[in-house]
C-alpha atoms as a PDB file:
ATOM      1  CA  MET A   1      79.340  47.484 -96.294  1.00  0.00           C
ATOM      2  CA  LEU A   2      82.433  45.698 -94.969  1.00  0.00           C
ATOM      3  CA  ASP A   3      82.689  45.650 -91.183  1.00  0.00           C
ATOM      4  CA  SER A   4      86.305  45.772 -89.994  1.00  0.00           C
ATOM      5  CA  ASN A   5      87.803  46.739 -86.657  1.00  0.00           C
ATOM      6  CA  TYR A   6      90.491  48.583 -88.602  1.00  0.00           C
ATOM      7  CA  LYS A   7      88.172  50.609 -90.830  1.00  0.00           C
ATOM      8  CA  ASN A   8      88.950  54.344 -90.752  1.00  0.00           C
ATOM      9  CA  THR A   9      92.368  53.690 -89.182  1.00  0.00           C
ATOM     10  CA  ILE A  10      95.845  53.805 -90.717  1.00  0.00           C
ATOM     11  CA  PHE A  11      95.861  49.986 -90.586  1.00  0.00           C
ATOM     12  CA  SER A  12      92.785  49.574 -92.783  1.00  0.00           C
ATOM     13  CA  MET A  13      93.056  47.243 -95.778  1.00  0.00           C
ATOM     14  CA  CYS A  14      89.446  47.772 -96.837  1.00  0.00           C
ATOM     15  CA  GLY A  15      89.103  47.693-100.613  1.00  0.00           C
ATOM     16  CA  LYS A  16      92.590  46.214-101.038  1.00  0.00           C
ATOM     17  CA  VAL A  17      93.657  42.940-102.633  1.00  0.00           C
ATOM     18  CA  SER A  18      96.480  41.028-100.949  1.00  0.00           C
ATOM     19  CA  VAL A  19      98.304  37.969-102.271  1.00  0.00           C
ATOM     20  CA  VAL A  20      99.910  35.696 -99.661  1.00  0.00           C
ATOM     21  CA  VAL A  21     102.379  33.215-101.134  1.00  0.00           C
ATOM     22  CA  GLY A  22     102.779  30.353 -98.691  1.00  0.00           C
ATOM     23  CA  GLY A  23      99.506  31.266 -97.010  1.00  0.00           C
ATOM     24  CA  SER A  24      98.840  27.674 -95.951  1.00  0.00           C
ATOM     25  CA  GLY A  25     101.743  27.596 -93.500  1.00  0.00           C
ATOM     26  CA  GLN A  26     101.846  28.538 -89.838  1.00  0.00           C
ATOM     27  CA  ILE A  27     102.866  32.195 -90.167  1.00  0.00           C
ATOM     28  CA  GLY A  28     101.135  32.417 -93.550  1.00  0.00           C
ATOM     29  CA  ALA A  29      97.735  31.379 -92.204  1.00  0.00           C
ATOM     30  CA  ASN A  30      97.988  34.027 -89.502  1.00  0.00           C
ATOM     31  CA  SER A  31      98.945  36.640 -92.091  1.00  0.00           C
ATOM     32  CA  VAL A  32      95.881  35.679 -94.112  1.00  0.00           C
ATOM     33  CA  ALA A  33      93.687  36.016 -91.016  1.00  0.00           C
ATOM     34  CA  ILE A  34      94.896  39.508 -90.056  1.00  0.00           C
ATOM     35  CA  LEU A  35      94.660  40.834 -93.623  1.00  0.00           C
ATOM     36  CA  LEU A  36      91.096  39.533 -93.865  1.00  0.00           C
ATOM     37  CA  GLU A  37      90.287  41.072 -90.488  1.00  0.00           C
ATOM     38  CA  ALA A  38      91.654  44.399 -91.700  1.00  0.00           C
ATOM     39  CA  GLY A  39      89.291  44.291 -94.677  1.00  0.00           C
ATOM     40  CA  SER A  40      91.422  42.993 -97.540  1.00  0.00           C
ATOM     41  CA  GLU A  41      90.447  40.512-100.207  1.00  0.00           C
ATOM     42  CA  VAL A  42      93.062  37.761 -99.762  1.00  0.00           C
ATOM     43  CA  VAL A  43      94.454  35.388-102.378  1.00  0.00           C
ATOM     44  CA  ILE A  44      96.535  32.430-101.201  1.00  0.00           C
ATOM     45  CA  LEU A  45      99.132  30.980-103.571  1.00  0.00           C
ATOM     46  CA  ASP A  46     100.569  27.729-102.263  1.00  0.00           C
ATOM     47  CA  ILE A  47     101.431  24.239-103.409  1.00  0.00           C
ATOM     48  CA  VAL A  48      99.540  22.960-100.350  1.00  0.00           C
ATOM     49  CA  GLU A  49      95.820  23.695-100.102  1.00  0.00           C
ATOM     50  CA  PRO A  50      94.925  25.667 -96.964  1.00  0.00           C
ATOM     51  CA  ASP A  51      92.798  24.032 -94.302  1.00  0.00           C
ATOM     52  CA  PHE A  52      91.135  26.799 -92.312  1.00  0.00           C
ATOM     53  CA  GLY A  53      87.959  24.841 -91.664  1.00  0.00           C
ATOM     54  CA  LYS A  54      84.438  26.044 -92.305  1.00  0.00           C
ATOM     55  CA  SER A  55      83.929  26.678 -88.601  1.00  0.00           C
ATOM     56  CA  SER A  56      86.680  29.323 -88.494  1.00  0.00           C
ATOM     57  CA  ASN A  57      85.890  32.989 -88.060  1.00  0.00           C
ATOM     58  CA  LEU A  58      87.438  33.931 -91.401  1.00  0.00           C
ATOM     59  CA  ASP A  59      85.364  35.620 -94.080  1.00  0.00           C
ATOM     60  CA  HIS A  60      85.589  32.867 -96.698  1.00  0.00           C
ATOM     61  CA  GLU A  61      83.852  35.025 -99.306  1.00  0.00           C
ATOM     62  CA  ARG A  62      86.955  37.232 -99.410  1.00  0.00           C
ATOM     63  CA  LEU A  63      89.388  34.313 -99.279  1.00  0.00           C
ATOM     64  CA  HIS A  64      90.637  32.684-102.481  1.00  0.00           C
ATOM     65  CA  TYR A  65      93.123  29.897-103.223  1.00  0.00           C
ATOM     66  CA  PHE A  66      95.195  29.172-106.322  1.00  0.00           C
ATOM     67  CA  LYS A  67      97.525  26.192-106.365  1.00  0.00           C
ATOM     68  CA  CYS A  68     100.952  27.365-107.464  1.00  0.00           C
ATOM     69  CA  ASP A  69     104.443  25.899-107.733  1.00  0.00           C
ATOM     70  CA  ILE A  70     106.604  29.006-107.515  1.00  0.00           C
ATOM     71  CA  THR A  71     109.607  27.175-108.990  1.00  0.00           C
ATOM     72  CA  ASP A  72     107.735  26.546-112.253  1.00  0.00           C
ATOM     73  CA  PHE A  73     107.948  29.580-114.561  1.00  0.00           C
ATOM     74  CA  LYS A  74     104.973  28.552-116.693  1.00  0.00           C
ATOM     75  CA  ASN A  75     102.826  27.779-113.670  1.00  0.00           C
ATOM     76  CA  VAL A  76     103.691  31.097-112.005  1.00  0.00           C
ATOM     77  CA  SER A  77     102.918  33.009-115.198  1.00  0.00           C
ATOM     78  CA  MET A  78      99.581  31.244-115.615  1.00  0.00           C
ATOM     79  CA  VAL A  79      98.489  31.748-112.002  1.00  0.00           C
ATOM     80  CA  VAL A  80      99.557  35.404-111.856  1.00  0.00           C
ATOM     81  CA  ASN A  81      97.620  36.037-115.069  1.00  0.00           C
ATOM     82  CA  GLU A  82      94.523  34.340-113.596  1.00  0.00           C
ATOM     83  CA  VAL A  83      94.777  36.321-110.358  1.00  0.00           C
ATOM     84  CA  THR A  84      95.351  39.614-112.159  1.00  0.00           C
ATOM     85  CA  GLU A  85      92.500  38.991-114.579  1.00  0.00           C
ATOM     86  CA  LYS A  86      90.147  38.249-111.673  1.00  0.00           C
ATOM     87  CA  PHE A  87      91.132  41.087-109.330  1.00  0.00           C
ATOM     88  CA  LYS A  88      92.630  43.654-111.741  1.00  0.00           C
ATOM     89  CA  VAL A  89      94.633  45.437-109.011  1.00  0.00           C
ATOM     90  CA  ILE A  90      97.100  43.805-106.597  1.00  0.00           C
ATOM     91  CA  ASP A  91      97.821  46.092-103.653  1.00  0.00           C
ATOM     92  CA  CYS A  92      99.970  43.848-101.470  1.00  0.00           C
ATOM     93  CA  LEU A  93     102.179  40.805-101.971  1.00  0.00           C
ATOM     94  CA  VAL A  94     103.396  38.781 -98.977  1.00  0.00           C
ATOM     95  CA  ASN A  95     106.033  36.125 -99.663  1.00  0.00           C
ATOM     96  CA  HIS A  96     106.214  33.449 -96.950  1.00  0.00           C
ATOM     97  CA  SER A  97     107.154  30.353 -98.976  1.00  0.00           C
ATOM     98  CA  HIS A  98     110.349  28.535 -98.056  1.00  0.00           C
ATOM     99  CA  PHE A  99     111.787  25.086 -98.672  1.00  0.00           C
ATOM    100  CA  LYS A 100     111.858  22.709 -95.681  1.00  0.00           C
ATOM    101  CA  GLY A 101     111.997  19.311 -97.374  1.00  0.00           C
ATOM    102  CA  ASP A 102     108.488  17.962 -96.958  1.00  0.00           C
ATOM    103  CA  PRO A 103     106.120  20.884 -97.752  1.00  0.00           C
ATOM    104  CA  LYS A 104     103.565  19.727 -95.162  1.00  0.00           C
ATOM    105  CA  ARG A 105     105.709  19.093 -92.090  1.00  0.00           C
ATOM    106  CA  LEU A 106     109.251  19.017 -90.783  1.00  0.00           C
ATOM    107  CA  LYS A 107     110.813  15.566 -90.753  1.00  0.00           C
ATOM    108  CA  PRO A 108     113.520  15.152 -88.079  1.00  0.00           C
ATOM    109  CA  HIS A 109     116.797  13.608 -89.267  1.00  0.00           C
ATOM    110  CA  SER A 110     115.889  14.242 -92.934  1.00  0.00           C
ATOM    111  CA  GLU A 111     118.537  15.316 -95.452  1.00  0.00           C
ATOM    112  CA  PHE A 112     117.278  18.889 -95.149  1.00  0.00           C
ATOM    113  CA  PHE A 113     118.859  18.949 -91.669  1.00  0.00           C
ATOM    114  CA  ALA A 114     122.210  17.404 -92.679  1.00  0.00           C
ATOM    115  CA  PRO A 115     125.368  18.934 -91.168  1.00  0.00           C
ATOM    116  CA  VAL A 116     127.085  21.524 -93.339  1.00  0.00           C
ATOM    117  CA  GLU A 117     130.076  19.300 -94.141  1.00  0.00           C
ATOM    118  CA  ASP A 118     127.748  16.673 -95.601  1.00  0.00           C
ATOM    119  CA  TYR A 119     124.988  18.892 -96.926  1.00  0.00           C
ATOM    120  CA  PRO A 120     123.502  17.361-100.117  1.00  0.00           C
ATOM    121  CA  LEU A 121     123.831  19.626-103.125  1.00  0.00           C
ATOM    122  CA  GLU A 122     120.412  18.568-104.398  1.00  0.00           C
ATOM    123  CA  ILE A 123     118.815  19.832-101.168  1.00  0.00           C
ATOM    124  CA  TRP A 124     120.850  23.032-101.413  1.00  0.00           C
ATOM    125  CA  SER A 125     119.580  23.472-104.977  1.00  0.00           C
ATOM    126  CA  ASP A 126     115.978  22.835-103.911  1.00  0.00           C
ATOM    127  CA  ALA A 127     116.258  25.550-101.262  1.00  0.00           C
ATOM    128  CA  ILE A 128     117.698  27.994-103.810  1.00  0.00           C
ATOM    129  CA  ASP A 129     114.903  27.128-106.253  1.00  0.00           C
ATOM    130  CA  VAL A 130     112.129  27.850-103.763  1.00  0.00           C
ATOM    131  CA  ASN A 131     113.560  30.529-101.490  1.00  0.00           C
ATOM    132  CA  LEU A 132     115.317  32.639-104.117  1.00  0.00           C
ATOM    133  CA  THR A 133     114.356  31.680-107.677  1.00  0.00           C
ATOM    134  CA  GLY A 134     110.701  31.229-106.750  1.00  0.00           C
ATOM    135  CA  LEU A 135     110.733  34.511-104.855  1.00  0.00           C
ATOM    136  CA  LEU A 136     112.265  36.285-107.848  1.00  0.00           C
ATOM    137  CA  LEU A 137     109.659  34.857-110.249  1.00  0.00           C
ATOM    138  CA  ILE A 138     106.771  35.923-108.026  1.00  0.00           C
ATOM    139  CA  CYS A 139     108.219  39.393-107.491  1.00  0.00           C
ATOM    140  CA  GLN A 140     108.895  39.805-111.205  1.00  0.00           C
ATOM    141  CA  LYS A 141     105.370  38.881-112.227  1.00  0.00           C
ATOM    142  CA  PHE A 142     103.478  40.809-109.574  1.00  0.00           C
ATOM    143  CA  GLY A 143     106.047  43.610-109.728  1.00  0.00           C
ATOM    144  CA  LYS A 144     105.063  44.239-113.351  1.00  0.00           C
ATOM    145  CA  VAL A 145     101.422  44.454-112.288  1.00  0.00           C
ATOM    146  CA  MET A 146     102.328  46.930-109.555  1.00  0.00           C
ATOM    147  CA  ARG A 147     104.451  48.988-111.940  1.00  0.00           C
ATOM    148  CA  ASN A 148     101.569  49.249-114.382  1.00  0.00           C
ATOM    149  CA  GLN A 149      99.176  50.391-111.648  1.00  0.00           C
ATOM    150  CA  ASN A 150     101.898  52.626-110.119  1.00  0.00           C
ATOM    151  CA  HIS A 151     101.557  51.374-106.549  1.00  0.00           C
ATOM    152  CA  GLY A 152     102.034  48.319-104.392  1.00  0.00           C
ATOM    153  CA  VAL A 153     103.534  46.822-101.260  1.00  0.00           C
ATOM    154  CA  ILE A 154     105.769  43.748-101.115  1.00  0.00           C
ATOM    155  CA  ILE A 155     106.711  41.961 -97.900  1.00  0.00           C
ATOM    156  CA  ASN A 156     109.393  39.272 -98.070  1.00  0.00           C
ATOM    157  CA  THR A 157     110.079  36.912 -95.175  1.00  0.00           C
ATOM    158  CA  GLY A 158     113.598  36.678 -93.828  1.00  0.00           C
ATOM    159  CA  SER A 159     114.658  35.215 -90.493  1.00  0.00           C
ATOM    160  CA  THR A 160     116.859  35.966 -87.536  1.00  0.00           C
ATOM    161  CA  TYR A 161     119.053  33.250 -89.053  1.00  0.00           C
ATOM    162  CA  GLY A 162     119.495  35.465 -92.078  1.00  0.00           C
ATOM    163  CA  ILE A 163     121.085  38.017 -89.739  1.00  0.00           C
ATOM    164  CA  VAL A 164     123.067  35.881 -87.274  1.00  0.00           C
ATOM    165  CA  SER A 165     124.272  32.299 -87.350  1.00  0.00           C
ATOM    166  CA  ALA A 166     122.093  29.491 -86.100  1.00  0.00           C
ATOM    167  CA  ARG A 167     123.007  28.275 -82.615  1.00  0.00           C
ATOM    168  CA  GLU A 168     123.914  24.619 -83.073  1.00  0.00           C
ATOM    169  CA  SER A 169     123.880  23.887 -79.339  1.00  0.00           C
ATOM    170  CA  ILE A 170     120.124  24.418 -78.833  1.00  0.00           C
ATOM    171  CA  TYR A 171     119.007  21.526 -81.054  1.00  0.00           C
ATOM    172  CA  GLY A 172     120.623  18.611 -79.225  1.00  0.00           C
ATOM    173  CA  ASP A 173     119.723  15.194 -80.679  1.00  0.00           C
ATOM    174  CA  SER A 174     116.275  16.317 -81.904  1.00  0.00           C
ATOM    175  CA  GLY A 175     117.125  15.681 -85.553  1.00  0.00           C
ATOM    176  CA  ILE A 176     116.097  19.247 -86.352  1.00  0.00           C
ATOM    177  CA  ASN A 177     118.396  22.235 -86.806  1.00  0.00           C
ATOM    178  CA  SER A 178     118.629  25.347 -88.949  1.00  0.00           C
ATOM    179  CA  PRO A 179     120.637  24.237 -92.005  1.00  0.00           C
ATOM    180  CA  ILE A 180     123.087  26.170 -94.163  1.00  0.00           C
ATOM    181  CA  SER A 181     120.590  26.359 -97.051  1.00  0.00           C
ATOM    182  CA  TYR A 182     118.099  28.207 -94.843  1.00  0.00           C
ATOM    183  CA  ALA A 183     120.681  30.624 -93.445  1.00  0.00           C
ATOM    184  CA  ALA A 184     122.141  31.495 -96.839  1.00  0.00           C
ATOM    185  CA  THR A 185     118.834  32.056 -98.598  1.00  0.00           C
ATOM    186  CA  LYS A 186     117.254  34.034 -95.759  1.00  0.00           C
ATOM    187  CA  ALA A 187     120.258  36.366 -95.729  1.00  0.00           C
ATOM    188  CA  ALA A 188     119.914  36.832 -99.489  1.00  0.00           C
ATOM    189  CA  ILE A 189     116.211  37.668 -99.188  1.00  0.00           C
ATOM    190  CA  ILE A 190     117.007  40.683 -97.005  1.00  0.00           C
ATOM    191  CA  ASN A 191     119.158  42.182 -99.749  1.00  0.00           C
ATOM    192  CA  ILE A 192     116.732  41.208-102.514  1.00  0.00           C
ATOM    193  CA  SER A 193     114.173  43.340-100.690  1.00  0.00           C
ATOM    194  CA  ARG A 194     116.607  46.263-100.506  1.00  0.00           C
ATOM    195  CA  TYR A 195     117.366  45.917-104.210  1.00  0.00           C
ATOM    196  CA  LEU A 196     113.715  45.873-105.225  1.00  0.00           C
ATOM    197  CA  ALA A 197     112.934  48.748-102.854  1.00  0.00           C
ATOM    198  CA  THR A 198     115.494  51.059-104.442  1.00  0.00           C
ATOM    199  CA  HIS A 199     114.747  50.058-108.041  1.00  0.00           C
ATOM    200  CA  TRP A 200     110.958  50.212-107.760  1.00  0.00           C
ATOM    201  CA  ALA A 201     110.499  53.207-105.474  1.00  0.00           C
ATOM    202  CA  LYS A 202     109.954  55.396-108.542  1.00  0.00           C
ATOM    203  CA  HIS A 203     106.893  53.256-109.304  1.00  0.00           C
ATOM    204  CA  ASN A 204     105.454  53.865-105.820  1.00  0.00           C
ATOM    205  CA  ILE A 205     106.202  50.281-104.784  1.00  0.00           C
ATOM    206  CA  ARG A 206     107.427  49.721-101.238  1.00  0.00           C
ATOM    207  CA  VAL A 207     109.416  46.561-100.416  1.00  0.00           C
ATOM    208  CA  ASN A 208     110.358  45.467 -96.899  1.00  0.00           C
ATOM    209  CA  THR A 209     111.471  42.311 -95.104  1.00  0.00           C
ATOM    210  CA  LEU A 210     109.957  40.776 -91.993  1.00  0.00           C
ATOM    211  CA  SER A 211     112.511  38.718 -90.069  1.00  0.00           C
ATOM    212  CA  PRO A 212     110.742  36.561 -87.471  1.00  0.00           C
ATOM    213  CA  GLY A 213     112.270  34.595 -84.653  1.00  0.00           C
ATOM    214  CA  GLY A 214     111.366  31.069 -83.624  1.00  0.00           C
ATOM    215  CA  VAL A 215     107.713  30.071 -83.530  1.00  0.00           C
ATOM    216  CA  ALA A 216     106.403  27.457 -81.132  1.00  0.00           C
ATOM    217  CA  ASN A 217     104.874  24.353 -82.732  1.00  0.00           C
ATOM    218  CA  ALA A 218     103.961  20.799 -81.826  1.00  0.00           C
ATOM    219  CA  ASN A 219     107.039  19.257 -83.484  1.00  0.00           C
ATOM    220  CA  GLN A 220     109.487  20.851 -81.041  1.00  0.00           C
ATOM    221  CA  SER A 221     110.877  18.962 -78.068  1.00  0.00           C
ATOM    222  CA  ASP A 222     110.639  20.371 -74.565  1.00  0.00           C
ATOM    223  CA  ALA A 223     114.432  20.541 -74.442  1.00  0.00           C
ATOM    224  CA  PHE A 224     114.617  22.621 -77.598  1.00  0.00           C
ATOM    225  CA  VAL A 225     111.894  25.010 -76.451  1.00  0.00           C
ATOM    226  CA  LYS A 226     113.720  25.509 -73.141  1.00  0.00           C
ATOM    227  CA  ASN A 227     117.081  26.060 -74.860  1.00  0.00           C
ATOM    228  CA  TYR A 228     115.613  28.551 -77.285  1.00  0.00           C
ATOM    229  CA  SER A 229     113.664  30.376 -74.581  1.00  0.00           C
ATOM    230  CA  ASP A 230     116.718  30.632 -72.325  1.00  0.00           C
ATOM    231  CA  MET A 231     118.560  32.478 -75.111  1.00  0.00           C
ATOM    232  CA  THR A 232     115.687  34.885 -75.802  1.00  0.00           C
ATOM    233  CA  PRO A 233     115.365  38.049 -73.670  1.00  0.00           C
ATOM    234  CA  LEU A 234     111.570  37.658 -73.510  1.00  0.00           C
ATOM    235  CA  GLY A 235     112.119  34.128 -72.238  1.00  0.00           C
ATOM    236  CA  ARG A 236     109.895  32.256 -74.681  1.00  0.00           C
ATOM    237  CA  MET A 237     109.238  31.409 -78.314  1.00  0.00           C
ATOM    238  CA  ALA A 238     106.707  33.347 -80.377  1.00  0.00           C
ATOM    239  CA  ARG A 239     103.083  32.330 -80.722  1.00  0.00           C
ATOM    240  CA  PRO A 240     102.061  31.847 -84.374  1.00  0.00           C
ATOM    241  CA  ASP A 241      99.817  34.940 -84.223  1.00  0.00           C
ATOM    242  CA  GLU A 242     102.492  37.292 -82.866  1.00  0.00           C
ATOM    243  CA  TYR A 243     103.641  38.361 -86.337  1.00  0.00           C
ATOM    244  CA  GLN A 244     100.190  39.564 -87.344  1.00  0.00           C
ATOM    245  CA  GLY A 245     100.796  43.095 -86.114  1.00  0.00           C
ATOM    246  CA  ALA A 246     104.043  43.372 -88.042  1.00  0.00           C
ATOM    247  CA  ILE A 247     102.438  42.050 -91.228  1.00  0.00           C
ATOM    248  CA  LEU A 248      99.527  44.486 -90.998  1.00  0.00           C
ATOM    249  CA  PHE A 249     101.878  47.367 -90.229  1.00  0.00           C
ATOM    250  CA  LEU A 250     104.041  46.611 -93.284  1.00  0.00           C
ATOM    251  CA  ALA A 251     101.060  45.949 -95.576  1.00  0.00           C
ATOM    252  CA  SER A 252      99.052  49.034 -94.648  1.00  0.00           C
ATOM    253  CA  GLY A 253      99.449  52.770 -94.817  1.00  0.00           C
ATOM    254  CA  ALA A 254     100.832  52.693 -91.275  1.00  0.00           C
ATOM    255  CA  SER A 255     104.277  52.086 -92.838  1.00  0.00           C
ATOM    256  CA  SER A 256     103.847  54.492 -95.758  1.00  0.00           C
ATOM    257  CA  TYR A 257     107.345  56.021 -95.370  1.00  0.00           C
ATOM    258  CA  MET A 258     109.115  52.685 -94.924  1.00  0.00           C
ATOM    259  CA  THR A 259     110.901  50.802 -97.689  1.00  0.00           C
ATOM    260  CA  GLY A 260     114.082  48.762 -97.972  1.00  0.00           C
ATOM    261  CA  SER A 261     113.921  47.967 -94.260  1.00  0.00           C
ATOM    262  CA  ASN A 262     114.204  44.747 -92.304  1.00  0.00           C
ATOM    263  CA  LEU A 263     111.688  44.565 -89.451  1.00  0.00           C
ATOM    264  CA  ILE A 264     113.036  42.140 -86.833  1.00  0.00           C
ATOM    265  CA  VAL A 265     110.435  40.584 -84.508  1.00  0.00           C
ATOM    266  CA  ASP A 266     112.295  38.008 -82.437  1.00  0.00           C
ATOM    267  CA  GLY A 267     111.697  38.518 -78.732  1.00  0.00           C
ATOM    268  CA  GLY A 268     115.157  40.071 -78.517  1.00  0.00           C
ATOM    269  CA  TRP A 269     117.021  37.021 -79.889  1.00  0.00           C
ATOM    270  CA  THR A 270     119.405  39.152 -81.997  1.00  0.00           C
ATOM    271  CA  ALA A 271     119.885  41.818 -79.303  1.00  0.00           C
ATOM    272  CA  TRP A 272     122.707  39.916 -77.600  1.00  0.00           C
END
């Protein structure tokens, strides 16, 4: 019998199947970990293969990976069919994928970070393809599965920069900023979630957005981290694991009366 710290609590995911799109990324990997810990079977869909390492504490028997390009309609259809055929029921869908240029790491001074007046239309189009079109395709395909089974939970990932403008001054000469393509698509995702929530509520499907703030990582300069932290009421950036609680809350029965909402977890960034 599955041993989970969350068993017999409102946060239990025991017996559930969760799909995490973009589960190989920083926030995605932590979402995978908490869903596994809560008892769920977890399926990662990503163009990049996850690297959790065999020495990790994850239950690899309940962890599955399918390579998927969410901008490719045929590929999405094929992978969703494979996942559905294998697991039959999909209880939770978490969408973390977003376009950042190089899918494996941020590249300072790349075209993805171009100033708005010179922003390349091909990069803009790539961001739309991944962040919005890819999201729509995934939600369409798994949404049909959830409609047929008459239940499901969808969590889409927004950003504080889908709510307020990016602060240009904090980036300095780092070659990294938050570009217009990111801001526009993250804002759109919040309303996509509201739309799906109201249209699919009759099928017992709940849809919410998680809007995280900045996450600390090795690519950030000391100056940027200080600038960001100084503008955050809690005085620091988030650790990669600090969105786990929000993900589990939204995925589980703990949020059973919540749909169409945007859960902001940002250390207070948007509070002033």
